[in-house]
PDB file of N, CA and C in Angstrom:
ATOM      1  N   MET A   1     116.802 128.968  96.871  1.00  0.00           N
ATOM      2  CA  MET A   1     117.325 129.613  98.028  1.00  0.00           C
ATOM      3  C   MET A   1     116.935 128.404  99.035  1.00  0.00           C
ATOM      4  N   SER A   2     117.739 127.680  99.578  1.00  0.00           N
ATOM      5  CA  SER A   2     117.511 126.496 100.923  1.00  0.00           C
ATOM      6  C   SER A   2     117.280 127.515 102.433  1.00  0.00           C
ATOM      7  N   LYS A   3     116.121 126.023 103.062  1.00  0.00           N
ATOM      8  CA  LYS A   3     115.928 126.657 104.099  1.00  0.00           C
ATOM      9  C   LYS A   3     116.895 126.157 105.027  1.00  0.00           C
ATOM     10  N   THR A   4     117.132 126.580 106.369  1.00  0.00           N
ATOM     11  CA  THR A   4     117.877 126.100 107.654  1.00  0.00           C
ATOM     12  C   THR A   4     116.867 125.052 108.262  1.00  0.00           C
ATOM     13  N   GLN A   5     117.070 123.974 108.500  1.00  0.00           N
ATOM     14  CA  GLN A   5     116.477 123.388 109.548  1.00  0.00           C
ATOM     15  C   GLN A   5     117.068 123.577 111.194  1.00  0.00           C
ATOM     16  N   LEU A   6     115.472 123.773 111.672  1.00  0.00           N
ATOM     17  CA  LEU A   6     116.172 124.061 113.407  1.00  0.00           C
ATOM     18  C   LEU A   6     115.756 122.726 113.441  1.00  0.00           C
ATOM     19  N   THR A   7     116.421 123.024 114.757  1.00  0.00           N
ATOM     20  CA  THR A   7     115.983 121.451 115.947  1.00  0.00           C
ATOM     21  C   THR A   7     115.043 122.369 116.748  1.00  0.00           C
ATOM     22  N   ALA A   8     114.646 121.495 117.745  1.00  0.00           N
ATOM     23  CA  ALA A   8     113.425 121.450 118.559  1.00  0.00           C
ATOM     24  C   ALA A   8     114.126 122.384 119.685  1.00  0.00           C
ATOM     25  N   SER A   9     115.601 122.054 120.172  1.00  0.00           N
ATOM     26  CA  SER A   9     116.566 122.984 120.636  1.00  0.00           C
ATOM     27  C   SER A   9     116.659 124.736 120.326  1.00  0.00           C
ATOM     28  N   ASP A  10     116.806 124.461 118.866  1.00  0.00           N
ATOM     29  CA  ASP A  10     116.709 126.053 118.406  1.00  0.00           C
ATOM     30  C   ASP A  10     115.649 126.593 118.771  1.00  0.00           C
ATOM     31  N   VAL A  11     114.094 125.828 118.753  1.00  0.00           N
ATOM     32  CA  VAL A  11     112.950 126.871 118.677  1.00  0.00           C
ATOM     33  C   VAL A  11     112.385 127.209 120.530  1.00  0.00           C
ATOM     34  N   ILE A  12     112.888 126.449 120.729  1.00  0.00           N
ATOM     35  CA  ILE A  12     112.861 126.518 122.293  1.00  0.00           C
ATOM     36  C   ILE A  12     113.716 127.747 123.252  1.00  0.00           C
ATOM     37  N   ASP A  13     114.982 127.748 122.471  1.00  0.00           N
ATOM     38  CA  ASP A  13     115.997 128.960 122.831  1.00  0.00           C
ATOM     39  C   ASP A  13     115.605 130.247 122.306  1.00  0.00           C
ATOM     40  N   ALA A  14     114.754 130.121 121.355  1.00  0.00           N
ATOM     41  CA  ALA A  14     114.493 131.409 120.702  1.00  0.00           C
ATOM     42  C   ALA A  14     112.979 132.368 121.420  1.00  0.00           C
ATOM     43  N   LEU A  15     112.097 131.215 122.051  1.00  0.00           N
ATOM     44  CA  LEU A  15     111.082 131.556 122.229  1.00  0.00           C
ATOM     45  C   LEU A  15     111.263 132.272 123.907  1.00  0.00           C
ATOM     46  N   GLU A  16     112.732 132.274 123.955  1.00  0.00           N
ATOM     47  CA  GLU A  16     113.287 133.284 125.548  1.00  0.00           C
ATOM     48  C   GLU A  16     113.141 134.725 125.253  1.00  0.00           C
ATOM     49  N   ASN A  17     113.028 135.308 123.677  1.00  0.00           N
ATOM     50  CA  ASN A  17     113.274 136.327 123.555  1.00  0.00           C
ATOM     51  C   ASN A  17     112.196 136.896 122.639  1.00  0.00           C
ATOM     52  N   LEU A  18     110.648 136.295 122.921  1.00  0.00           N
ATOM     53  CA  LEU A  18     109.763 136.422 122.430  1.00  0.00           C
ATOM     54  C   LEU A  18     109.087 137.558 123.756  1.00  0.00           C
ATOM     55  N   ASN A  19     108.061 138.238 122.887  1.00  0.00           N
ATOM     56  CA  ASN A  19     106.949 138.869 123.743  1.00  0.00           C
ATOM     57  C   ASN A  19     105.805 138.118 123.728  1.00  0.00           C
ATOM     58  N   LEU A  20     104.870 138.498 124.741  1.00  0.00           N
ATOM     59  CA  LEU A  20     103.527 137.884 125.233  1.00  0.00           C
ATOM     60  C   LEU A  20     103.023 137.715 123.767  1.00  0.00           C
ATOM     61  N   ASP A  21     102.801 138.751 123.138  1.00  0.00           N
ATOM     62  CA  ASP A  21     102.107 138.196 121.693  1.00  0.00           C
ATOM     63  C   ASP A  21     102.642 137.742 121.054  1.00  0.00           C
ATOM     64  N   ASP A  22     103.454 137.829 120.834  1.00  0.00           N
ATOM     65  CA  ASP A  22     104.446 136.517 119.830  1.00  0.00           C
ATOM     66  C   ASP A  22     104.280 135.246 120.233  1.00  0.00           C
ATOM     67  N   LEU A  23     104.503 134.876 121.444  1.00  0.00           N
ATOM     68  CA  LEU A  23     104.041 133.712 122.080  1.00  0.00           C
ATOM     69  C   LEU A  23     103.103 132.766 122.028  1.00  0.00           C
ATOM     70  N   ASN A  24     102.075 133.875 122.174  1.00  0.00           N
ATOM     71  CA  ASN A  24     100.504 133.641 121.499  1.00  0.00           C
ATOM     72  C   ASN A  24     100.536 133.360 120.427  1.00  0.00           C
ATOM     73  N   LYS A  25     100.755 133.978 119.729  1.00  0.00           N
ATOM     74  CA  LYS A  25     100.723 133.643 118.109  1.00  0.00           C
ATOM     75  C   LYS A  25     101.814 132.190 117.838  1.00  0.00           C
ATOM     76  N   VAL A  26     102.859 131.625 118.353  1.00  0.00           N
ATOM     77  CA  VAL A  26     103.662 130.617 118.175  1.00  0.00           C
ATOM     78  C   VAL A  26     102.487 129.459 118.638  1.00  0.00           C
ATOM     79  N   SER A  27     102.157 129.881 119.994  1.00  0.00           N
ATOM     80  CA  SER A  27     101.408 128.625 120.665  1.00  0.00           C
ATOM     81  C   SER A  27     100.449 128.430 120.188  1.00  0.00           C
ATOM     82  N   ALA A  28      99.874 129.102 119.146  1.00  0.00           N
ATOM     83  CA  ALA A  28      97.975 128.955 118.234  1.00  0.00           C
ATOM     84  C   ALA A  28      98.896 128.625 116.896  1.00  0.00           C
ATOM     85  N   ALA A  29      99.977 128.665 116.215  1.00  0.00           N
ATOM     86  CA  ALA A  29     100.654 127.940 115.268  1.00  0.00           C
ATOM     87  C   ALA A  29     100.764 126.718 115.679  1.00  0.00           C
ATOM     88  N   THR A  30     101.695 126.351 116.569  1.00  0.00           N
ATOM     89  CA  THR A  30     102.177 124.851 117.021  1.00  0.00           C
ATOM     90  C   THR A  30     100.730 124.155 117.764  1.00  0.00           C
ATOM     91  N   GLU A  31      99.742 124.837 117.861  1.00  0.00           N
ATOM     92  CA  GLU A  31      98.510 124.184 118.087  1.00  0.00           C
ATOM     93  C   GLU A  31      98.011 123.604 116.967  1.00  0.00           C
ATOM     94  N   GLN A  32      98.018 124.329 115.824  1.00  0.00           N
ATOM     95  CA  GLN A  32      97.779 124.221 114.432  1.00  0.00           C
ATOM     96  C   GLN A  32      98.353 122.687 113.645  1.00  0.00           C
ATOM     97  N   GLN A  33      99.564 123.026 114.436  1.00  0.00           N
ATOM     98  CA  GLN A  33     100.642 122.234 113.495  1.00  0.00           C
ATOM     99  C   GLN A  33     100.676 120.757 113.994  1.00  0.00           C
ATOM    100  N   ILE A  34     100.314 120.753 115.363  1.00  0.00           N
ATOM    101  CA  ILE A  34      99.952 119.384 115.842  1.00  0.00           C
ATOM    102  C   ILE A  34      98.781 118.925 115.196  1.00  0.00           C
ATOM    103  N   GLN A  35      97.569 119.298 115.582  1.00  0.00           N
ATOM    104  CA  GLN A  35      96.440 118.848 114.845  1.00  0.00           C
ATOM    105  C   GLN A  35      96.873 118.332 113.288  1.00  0.00           C
ATOM    106  N   LYS A  36      97.762 118.978 112.431  1.00  0.00           N
ATOM    107  CA  LYS A  36      97.648 118.817 110.827  1.00  0.00           C
ATOM    108  C   LYS A  36      98.617 117.235 111.226  1.00  0.00           C
ATOM    109  N   THR A  37      99.556 117.463 111.651  1.00  0.00           N
ATOM    110  CA  THR A  37     100.676 116.147 112.044  1.00  0.00           C
ATOM    111  C   THR A  37      99.869 114.991 112.518  1.00  0.00           C
ATOM    112  N   THR A  38      98.983 115.265 113.417  1.00  0.00           N
ATOM    113  CA  THR A  38      97.922 114.353 114.418  1.00  0.00           C
ATOM    114  C   THR A  38      97.283 113.620 113.092  1.00  0.00           C
ATOM    115  N   LYS A  39      96.491 114.842 112.283  1.00  0.00           N
ATOM    116  CA  LYS A  39      95.512 113.960 111.079  1.00  0.00           C
ATOM    117  C   LYS A  39      96.082 113.078 110.216  1.00  0.00           C
ATOM    118  N   ALA A  40      97.407 113.881 109.620  1.00  0.00           N
ATOM    119  CA  ALA A  40      98.328 112.914 108.621  1.00  0.00           C
ATOM    120  C   ALA A  40      99.030 111.537 109.387  1.00  0.00           C
ATOM    121  N   ALA A  41      98.990 111.413 110.314  1.00  0.00           N
ATOM    122  CA  ALA A  41      99.641 110.141 111.230  1.00  0.00           C
ATOM    123  C   ALA A  41      98.427 109.168 111.031  1.00  0.00           C
ATOM    124  N   GLN A  42      97.289 109.540 111.764  1.00  0.00           N
ATOM    125  CA  GLN A  42      95.857 108.856 111.605  1.00  0.00           C
ATOM    126  C   GLN A  42      95.646 108.611 110.421  1.00  0.00           C
ATOM    127  N   ALA A  43      95.453 109.146 109.242  1.00  0.00           N
ATOM    128  CA  ALA A  43      95.672 108.605 107.801  1.00  0.00           C
ATOM    129  C   ALA A  43      96.424 108.019 107.490  1.00  0.00           C
ATOM    130  N   GLN A  44      97.797 108.175 107.728  1.00  0.00           N
ATOM    131  CA  GLN A  44      98.854 107.430 107.669  1.00  0.00           C
ATOM    132  C   GLN A  44      98.578 105.819 108.129  1.00  0.00           C
ATOM    133  N   ALA A  45      98.312 105.867 109.497  1.00  0.00           N
ATOM    134  CA  ALA A  45      97.631 104.462 110.014  1.00  0.00           C
ATOM    135  C   ALA A  45      96.503 103.643 109.540  1.00  0.00           C
ATOM    136  N   LEU A  46      95.588 104.712 109.414  1.00  0.00           N
ATOM    137  CA  LEU A  46      94.416 104.068 108.697  1.00  0.00           C
ATOM    138  C   LEU A  46      95.228 103.319 107.333  1.00  0.00           C
ATOM    139  N   GLN A  47      95.448 103.861 106.667  1.00  0.00           N
ATOM    140  CA  GLN A  47      95.833 103.335 105.324  1.00  0.00           C
ATOM    141  C   GLN A  47      96.426 102.205 105.439  1.00  0.00           C
ATOM    142  N   ARG A  48      97.692 101.918 106.715  1.00  0.00           N
ATOM    143  CA  ARG A  48      98.354 101.038 106.931  1.00  0.00           C
ATOM    144  C   ARG A  48      97.656  99.521 107.319  1.00  0.00           C
ATOM    145  N   MET A  49      96.464  99.804 108.287  1.00  0.00           N
ATOM    146  CA  MET A  49      95.293  99.231 108.600  1.00  0.00           C
ATOM    147  C   MET A  49      94.723  98.729 107.053  1.00  0.00           C
ATOM    148  N   ARG A  50      94.625  99.405 106.571  1.00  0.00           N
ATOM    149  CA  ARG A  50      93.750  98.826 105.196  1.00  0.00           C
ATOM    150  C   ARG A  50      94.656  97.723 104.559  1.00  0.00           C
ATOM    151  N   GLU A  51      95.831  98.303 104.560  1.00  0.00           N
ATOM    152  CA  GLU A  51      96.514  97.187 103.608  1.00  0.00           C
ATOM    153  C   GLU A  51      97.193  95.747 104.164  1.00  0.00           C
ATOM    154  N   VAL A  52      97.218  95.849 105.687  1.00  0.00           N
ATOM    155  CA  VAL A  52      97.370  94.740 106.348  1.00  0.00           C
ATOM    156  C   VAL A  52      96.123  93.877 106.256  1.00  0.00           C
ATOM    157  N   ALA A  53      95.166  94.300 106.204  1.00  0.00           N
ATOM    158  CA  ALA A  53      93.897  93.979 106.512  1.00  0.00           C
ATOM    159  C   ALA A  53      93.683  93.234 104.600  1.00  0.00           C
ATOM    160  N   SER A  54      93.913  94.096 103.674  1.00  0.00           N
ATOM    161  CA  SER A  54      93.927  93.518 102.271  1.00  0.00           C
ATOM    162  C   SER A  54      94.711  92.661 102.132  1.00  0.00           C
ATOM    163  N   GLU A  55      96.272  92.481 102.876  1.00  0.00           N
ATOM    164  CA  GLU A  55      97.237  91.466 102.507  1.00  0.00           C
ATOM    165  C   GLU A  55      96.765  89.832 103.363  1.00  0.00           C
ATOM    166  N   THR A  56      95.727  90.260 104.240  1.00  0.00           N
ATOM    167  CA  THR A  56      95.325  89.097 104.848  1.00  0.00           C
ATOM    168  C   THR A  56      93.894  88.664 104.426  1.00  0.00           C
ATOM    169  N   GLY A  57      93.433  88.938 103.509  1.00  0.00           N
ATOM    170  CA  GLY A  57      91.948  88.960 102.790  1.00  0.00           C
ATOM    171  C   GLY A  57      90.856  89.264 104.049  1.00  0.00           C
ATOM    172  N   VAL A  58      91.260  90.064 104.496  1.00  0.00           N
ATOM    173  CA  VAL A  58      89.660  90.686 105.587  1.00  0.00           C
ATOM    174  C   VAL A  58      89.200  91.795 105.009  1.00  0.00           C
ATOM    175  N   ASP A  59      87.995  91.986 105.223  1.00  0.00           N
ATOM    176  CA  ASP A  59      87.125  93.010 104.668  1.00  0.00           C
ATOM    177  C   ASP A  59      87.574  94.174 105.628  1.00  0.00           C
ATOM    178  N   PHE A  60      88.483  95.413 105.827  1.00  0.00           N
ATOM    179  CA  PHE A  60      88.062  96.158 106.231  1.00  0.00           C
ATOM    180  C   PHE A  60      87.213  96.779 106.677  1.00  0.00           C
ATOM    181  N   ASP A  61      86.149  96.967 106.080  1.00  0.00           N
ATOM    182  CA  ASP A  61      85.079  97.872 106.390  1.00  0.00           C
ATOM    183  C   ASP A  61      84.055  97.023 107.188  1.00  0.00           C
ATOM    184  N   MET A  62      83.834  95.565 107.025  1.00  0.00           N
ATOM    185  CA  MET A  62      83.308  94.750 107.629  1.00  0.00           C
ATOM    186  C   MET A  62      83.629  94.878 109.035  1.00  0.00           C
ATOM    187  N   LEU A  63      85.194  94.567 109.222  1.00  0.00           N
ATOM    188  CA  LEU A  63      86.207  94.598 110.678  1.00  0.00           C
ATOM    189  C   LEU A  63      85.478  95.483 111.199  1.00  0.00           C
ATOM    190  N   MET A  64      85.617  97.038 110.939  1.00  0.00           N
ATOM    191  CA  MET A  64      85.411  97.880 111.430  1.00  0.00           C
ATOM    192  C   MET A  64      83.820  98.312 112.092  1.00  0.00           C
ATOM    193  N   ARG A  65      83.026  97.833 111.319  1.00  0.00           N
ATOM    194  CA  ARG A  65      81.812  97.872 111.245  1.00  0.00           C
ATOM    195  C   ARG A  65      81.021  96.883 112.304  1.00  0.00           C
ATOM    196  N   GLU A  66      81.709  95.626 112.125  1.00  0.00           N
ATOM    197  CA  GLU A  66      81.227  94.210 112.966  1.00  0.00           C
ATOM    198  C   GLU A  66      81.994  94.532 114.602  1.00  0.00           C
ATOM    199  N   HIS A  67      83.123  94.685 114.579  1.00  0.00           N
ATOM    200  CA  HIS A  67      83.873  94.634 115.764  1.00  0.00           C
ATOM    201  C   HIS A  67      83.902  95.777 116.540  1.00  0.00           C
ATOM    202  N   PHE A  68      83.527  96.983 115.911  1.00  0.00           N
ATOM    203  CA  PHE A  68      83.960  98.584 116.565  1.00  0.00           C
ATOM    204  C   PHE A  68      82.538  99.319 115.969  1.00  0.00           C
ATOM    205  N   GLY A  69      81.557  98.825 115.550  1.00  0.00           N
ATOM    206  CA  GLY A  69      80.400  99.739 115.466  1.00  0.00           C
ATOM    207  C   GLY A  69      80.756 101.075 114.781  1.00  0.00           C
ATOM    208  N   LEU A  70      81.742 100.989 114.277  1.00  0.00           N
ATOM    209  CA  LEU A  70      82.355 101.847 112.781  1.00  0.00           C
ATOM    210  C   LEU A  70      82.553 102.009 111.602  1.00  0.00           C
ATOM    211  N   ALA A  71      81.584 103.363 111.605  1.00  0.00           N
ATOM    212  CA  ALA A  71      81.250 103.115 109.765  1.00  0.00           C
ATOM    213  C   ALA A  71      82.700 103.838 109.145  1.00  0.00           C
ATOM    214  N   THR A  72      83.748 103.554 108.156  1.00  0.00           N
ATOM    215  CA  THR A  72      84.983 103.656 107.675  1.00  0.00           C
ATOM    216  C   THR A  72      84.458 104.839 106.463  1.00  0.00           C
ATOM    217  N   HIS A  73      83.937 105.031 105.946  1.00  0.00           N
ATOM    218  CA  HIS A  73      83.690 105.918 105.006  1.00  0.00           C
ATOM    219  C   HIS A  73      82.533 106.752 104.986  1.00  0.00           C
ATOM    220  N   PRO A  74      82.355 107.677 106.042  1.00  0.00           N
ATOM    221  CA  PRO A  74      81.035 108.906 105.969  1.00  0.00           C
ATOM    222  C   PRO A  74      81.297 109.559 105.360  1.00  0.00           C
ATOM    223  N   ALA A  75      80.001 109.757 104.742  1.00  0.00           N
ATOM    224  CA  ALA A  75      79.941 111.203 103.473  1.00  0.00           C
ATOM    225  C   ALA A  75      80.815 112.158 103.808  1.00  0.00           C
ATOM    226  N   ASP A  76      81.199 112.860 102.519  1.00  0.00           N
ATOM    227  CA  ASP A  76      81.985 114.169 103.284  1.00  0.00           C
ATOM    228  C   ASP A  76      81.279 115.256 103.891  1.00  0.00           C
ATOM    229  N   GLY A  77      81.981 115.683 104.844  1.00  0.00           N
ATOM    230  CA  GLY A  77      81.411 116.631 105.139  1.00  0.00           C
ATOM    231  C   GLY A  77      80.384 115.898 106.618  1.00  0.00           C
ATOM    232  N   ASP A  78      79.995 114.663 106.515  1.00  0.00           N
ATOM    233  CA  ASP A  78      78.648 114.161 107.050  1.00  0.00           C
ATOM    234  C   ASP A  78      79.698 114.118 108.665  1.00  0.00           C
ATOM    235  N   LYS A  79      79.094 114.481 109.657  1.00  0.00           N
ATOM    236  CA  LYS A  79      79.861 114.275 111.055  1.00  0.00           C
ATOM    237  C   LYS A  79      78.564 113.640 112.032  1.00  0.00           C
ATOM    238  N   ARG A  80      77.340 112.855 111.253  1.00  0.00           N
ATOM    239  CA  ARG A  80      76.653 112.622 112.205  1.00  0.00           C
ATOM    240  C   ARG A  80      77.744 111.005 112.592  1.00  0.00           C
ATOM    241  N   LYS A  81      77.303 110.536 113.926  1.00  0.00           N
ATOM    242  CA  LYS A  81      77.546 109.495 114.905  1.00  0.00           C
ATOM    243  C   LYS A  81      76.921 108.097 114.020  1.00  0.00           C
ATOM    244  N   VAL A  82      77.623 107.133 114.005  1.00  0.00           N
ATOM    245  CA  VAL A  82      76.870 106.237 113.218  1.00  0.00           C
ATOM    246  C   VAL A  82      76.258 105.276 114.523  1.00  0.00           C
ATOM    247  N   LYS A  83      74.836 105.025 114.220  1.00  0.00           N
ATOM    248  CA  LYS A  83      73.986 104.388 115.023  1.00  0.00           C
ATOM    249  C   LYS A  83      73.939 103.149 115.275  1.00  0.00           C
ATOM    250  N   ILE A  84      74.484 103.091 116.780  1.00  0.00           N
ATOM    251  CA  ILE A  84      74.676 101.596 117.528  1.00  0.00           C
ATOM    252  C   ILE A  84      73.446 100.918 117.478  1.00  0.00           C
ATOM    253  N   ALA A  85      73.273  99.495 117.686  1.00  0.00           N
ATOM    254  CA  ALA A  85      72.380  98.270 117.568  1.00  0.00           C
ATOM    255  C   ALA A  85      72.122  98.811 118.991  1.00  0.00           C
ATOM    256  N   PRO A  86      70.773  98.379 119.313  1.00  0.00           N
ATOM    257  CA  PRO A  86      70.518  98.583 120.868  1.00  0.00           C
ATOM    258  C   PRO A  86      70.541  97.774 121.913  1.00  0.00           C
ATOM    259  N   LYS A  87      71.039  97.294 122.981  1.00  0.00           N
ATOM    260  CA  LYS A  87      71.532  96.016 123.621  1.00  0.00           C
ATOM    261  C   LYS A  87      70.301  95.795 124.630  1.00  0.00           C
ATOM    262  N   TYR A  88      69.425  97.048 124.909  1.00  0.00           N
ATOM    263  CA  TYR A  88      68.326  96.765 125.798  1.00  0.00           C
ATOM    264  C   TYR A  88      67.168  97.073 125.373  1.00  0.00           C
ATOM    265  N   MET A  89      65.988  96.531 125.796  1.00  0.00           N
ATOM    266  CA  MET A  89      64.598  96.969 125.503  1.00  0.00           C
ATOM    267  C   MET A  89      63.651  96.728 126.465  1.00  0.00           C
ATOM    268  N   HIS A  90      62.854  97.596 126.640  1.00  0.00           N
ATOM    269  CA  HIS A  90      61.243  97.623 127.906  1.00  0.00           C
ATOM    270  C   HIS A  90      60.876  96.491 127.492  1.00  0.00           C
ATOM    271  N   PRO A  91      60.928  95.688 128.285  1.00  0.00           N
ATOM    272  CA  PRO A  91      59.783  94.312 128.275  1.00  0.00           C
ATOM    273  C   PRO A  91      58.149  94.674 127.956  1.00  0.00           C
ATOM    274  N   GLU A  92      58.076  95.635 128.520  1.00  0.00           N
ATOM    275  CA  GLU A  92      56.467  96.238 127.874  1.00  0.00           C
ATOM    276  C   GLU A  92      56.034  97.172 126.794  1.00  0.00           C
ATOM    277  N   ASN A  93      57.452  97.694 126.253  1.00  0.00           N
ATOM    278  CA  ASN A  93      56.962  98.572 125.528  1.00  0.00           C
ATOM    279  C   ASN A  93      58.303  98.815 124.685  1.00  0.00           C
ATOM    280  N   PRO A  94      58.136  97.691 123.066  1.00  0.00           N
ATOM    281  CA  PRO A  94      59.575  97.302 122.390  1.00  0.00           C
ATOM    282  C   PRO A  94      60.286  98.234 121.904  1.00  0.00           C
ATOM    283  N   SER A  95      59.338  99.653 121.550  1.00  0.00           N
ATOM    284  CA  SER A  95      60.024 101.032 121.233  1.00  0.00           C
ATOM    285  C   SER A  95      61.211 101.913 121.948  1.00  0.00           C
ATOM    286  N   LEU A  96      60.900 101.425 123.662  1.00  0.00           N
ATOM    287  CA  LEU A  96      62.070 101.639 123.978  1.00  0.00           C
ATOM    288  C   LEU A  96      63.251 101.000 124.038  1.00  0.00           C
ATOM    289  N   THR A  97      64.830 101.184 123.674  1.00  0.00           N
ATOM    290  CA  THR A  97      65.526 100.815 123.932  1.00  0.00           C
ATOM    291  C   THR A  97      66.271 101.399 123.858  1.00  0.00           C
ATOM    292  N   TRP A  98      67.846 100.850 124.351  1.00  0.00           N
ATOM    293  CA  TRP A  98      69.345 101.452 124.629  1.00  0.00           C
ATOM    294  C   TRP A  98      70.005 100.716 124.386  1.00  0.00           C
ATOM    295  N   SER A  99      71.270 101.415 123.822  1.00  0.00           N
ATOM    296  CA  SER A  99      72.704 100.825 123.289  1.00  0.00           C
ATOM    297  C   SER A  99      73.225 100.546 124.195  1.00  0.00           C
ATOM    298  N   GLY A 100      73.302 101.160 125.470  1.00  0.00           N
ATOM    299  CA  GLY A 100      73.979 100.268 126.793  1.00  0.00           C
ATOM    300  C   GLY A 100      75.307 101.795 126.710  1.00  0.00           C
ATOM    301  N   ARG A 101      75.365 102.639 125.735  1.00  0.00           N
ATOM    302  CA  ARG A 101      76.395 103.914 125.812  1.00  0.00           C
ATOM    303  C   ARG A 101      75.460 104.607 126.082  1.00  0.00           C
ATOM    304  N   GLY A 102      76.121 105.742 126.766  1.00  0.00           N
ATOM    305  CA  GLY A 102      76.049 107.247 126.847  1.00  0.00           C
ATOM    306  C   GLY A 102      75.102 107.035 128.435  1.00  0.00           C
ATOM    307  N   ARG A 103      74.315 107.868 128.454  1.00  0.00           N
ATOM    308  CA  ARG A 103      73.361 108.165 129.832  1.00  0.00           C
ATOM    309  C   ARG A 103      72.624 107.357 129.735  1.00  0.00           C
ATOM    310  N   GLN A 104      72.266 106.518 130.715  1.00  0.00           N
ATOM    311  CA  GLN A 104      70.831 105.706 130.664  1.00  0.00           C
ATOM    312  C   GLN A 104      69.538 106.333 130.988  1.00  0.00           C
ATOM    313  N   PRO A 105      68.189 105.913 130.086  1.00  0.00           N
ATOM    314  CA  PRO A 105      67.227 106.408 129.946  1.00  0.00           C
ATOM    315  C   PRO A 105      66.311 106.238 131.541  1.00  0.00           C
ATOM    316  N   LEU A 106      65.485 106.534 131.146  1.00  0.00           N
ATOM    317  CA  LEU A 106      64.754 106.794 132.761  1.00  0.00           C
ATOM    318  C   LEU A 106      64.035 105.051 133.368  1.00  0.00           C
ATOM    319  N   TRP A 107      63.697 104.566 132.284  1.00  0.00           N
ATOM    320  CA  TRP A 107      62.959 103.617 132.549  1.00  0.00           C
ATOM    321  C   TRP A 107      64.262 102.399 132.744  1.00  0.00           C
ATOM    322  N   ILE A 108      65.465 102.606 132.324  1.00  0.00           N
ATOM    323  CA  ILE A 108      66.764 101.972 133.040  1.00  0.00           C
ATOM    324  C   ILE A 108      66.842 102.401 134.748  1.00  0.00           C
ATOM    325  N   LYS A 109      67.054 103.564 134.504  1.00  0.00           N
ATOM    326  CA  LYS A 109      67.490 104.354 135.948  1.00  0.00           C
ATOM    327  C   LYS A 109      66.277 103.611 137.077  1.00  0.00           C
ATOM    328  N   GLU A 110      65.451 103.632 136.846  1.00  0.00           N
ATOM    329  CA  GLU A 110      63.597 103.401 137.881  1.00  0.00           C
ATOM    330  C   GLU A 110      63.870 101.954 137.761  1.00  0.00           C
ATOM    331  N   HIS A 111      64.518 101.224 137.119  1.00  0.00           N
ATOM    332  CA  HIS A 111      64.032  99.624 137.288  1.00  0.00           C
ATOM    333  C   HIS A 111      65.601  98.746 138.284  1.00  0.00           C
ATOM    334  N   LEU A 112      66.795  99.875 138.033  1.00  0.00           N
ATOM    335  CA  LEU A 112      67.892  99.368 138.835  1.00  0.00           C
ATOM    336  C   LEU A 112      67.606 100.168 140.095  1.00  0.00           C
ATOM    337  N   GLU A 113      66.776 101.365 140.398  1.00  0.00           N
ATOM    338  CA  GLU A 113      67.088 101.984 141.881  1.00  0.00           C
ATOM    339  C   GLU A 113      65.507 100.936 142.148  1.00  0.00           C
ATOM    340  N   ASN A 114      64.882 100.456 141.844  1.00  0.00           N
ATOM    341  CA  ASN A 114      63.573  99.021 142.413  1.00  0.00           C
ATOM    342  C   ASN A 114      64.473  98.038 142.302  1.00  0.00           C
ATOM    343  N   GLY A 115      65.652  98.035 142.752  1.00  0.00           N
ATOM    344  CA  GLY A 115      66.428  96.549 142.928  1.00  0.00           C
ATOM    345  C   GLY A 115      66.405  95.700 141.644  1.00  0.00           C
ATOM    346  N   GLY A 116      66.006  95.786 140.481  1.00  0.00           N
ATOM    347  CA  GLY A 116      66.204  95.271 139.113  1.00  0.00           C
ATOM    348  C   GLY A 116      67.772  95.339 138.822  1.00  0.00           C
ATOM    349  N   ASP A 117      67.889  93.958 137.581  1.00  0.00           N
ATOM    350  CA  ASP A 117      69.015  93.894 137.095  1.00  0.00           C
ATOM    351  C   ASP A 117      69.246  94.353 135.841  1.00  0.00           C
ATOM    352  N   LEU A 118      70.614  94.905 135.392  1.00  0.00           N
ATOM    353  CA  LEU A 118      70.555  95.291 133.687  1.00  0.00           C
ATOM    354  C   LEU A 118      70.109  93.989 133.088  1.00  0.00           C
ATOM    355  N   ASP A 119      70.205  93.357 133.305  1.00  0.00           N
ATOM    356  CA  ASP A 119      70.349  91.793 132.261  1.00  0.00           C
ATOM    357  C   ASP A 119      69.201  91.634 132.004  1.00  0.00           C
ATOM    358  N   ASP A 120      67.962  92.006 133.312  1.00  0.00           N
ATOM    359  CA  ASP A 120      66.202  91.755 132.774  1.00  0.00           C
ATOM    360  C   ASP A 120      65.932  92.315 131.636  1.00  0.00           C
ATOM    361  N   TYR A 121      66.739  93.400 131.119  1.00  0.00           N
ATOM    362  CA  TYR A 121      66.600  94.207 129.895  1.00  0.00           C
ATOM    363  C   TYR A 121      67.028  93.953 128.359  1.00  0.00           C
ATOM    364  N   LEU A 122      67.837  92.782 128.566  1.00  0.00           N
ATOM    365  CA  LEU A 122      68.856  92.367 128.002  1.00  0.00           C
ATOM    366  C   LEU A 122      68.415  91.797 126.633  1.00  0.00           C
ATOM    367  N   ILE A 123      68.332  92.392 125.491  1.00  0.00           N
ATOM    368  CA  ILE A 123      67.974  91.616 123.949  1.00  0.00           C
ATOM    369  C   ILE A 123      68.843  90.429 123.824  1.00  0.00           C
ATOM    370  N   GLU A 124      68.099  89.339 123.845  1.00  0.00           N
ATOM    371  CA  GLU A 124      68.857  88.151 123.644  1.00  0.00           C
ATOM    372  C   GLU A 124      69.021  87.888 122.136  1.00  0.00           C
ATOM    373  N   LYS A 125      70.503  87.638 121.908  1.00  0.00           N
ATOM    374  CA  LYS A 125      70.845  87.317 120.645  1.00  0.00           C
ATOM    375  C   LYS A 125      71.426  85.986 119.998  1.00  0.00           C
TER     376      LYS A 125
END
């Protein structure tokens, strides 16, 4: 039994004949398919990037880690974010650090409000 290939126009035309409940079902199924297709495209792009890195002798995992701060092989089911190295440190309390991403810590905000410069707390590399 062969399936008939539908075009986007066929599907769009058929939508006019559906009631609201069916339209909501189609919408949900469409969103699921978009997510599935997007993930597949991303996986394919990642694989191609790995192939290009390999062809040019570049360590892909190191490239992603060092240039983008990203881990490329998180443990299965591990949804934790990769820890980013701190960029700023409090001069009087070295345990207070900030990566420069996300919300500014209070000690940074206070320093800036008092006329200080962000570079004052920059960690020298």
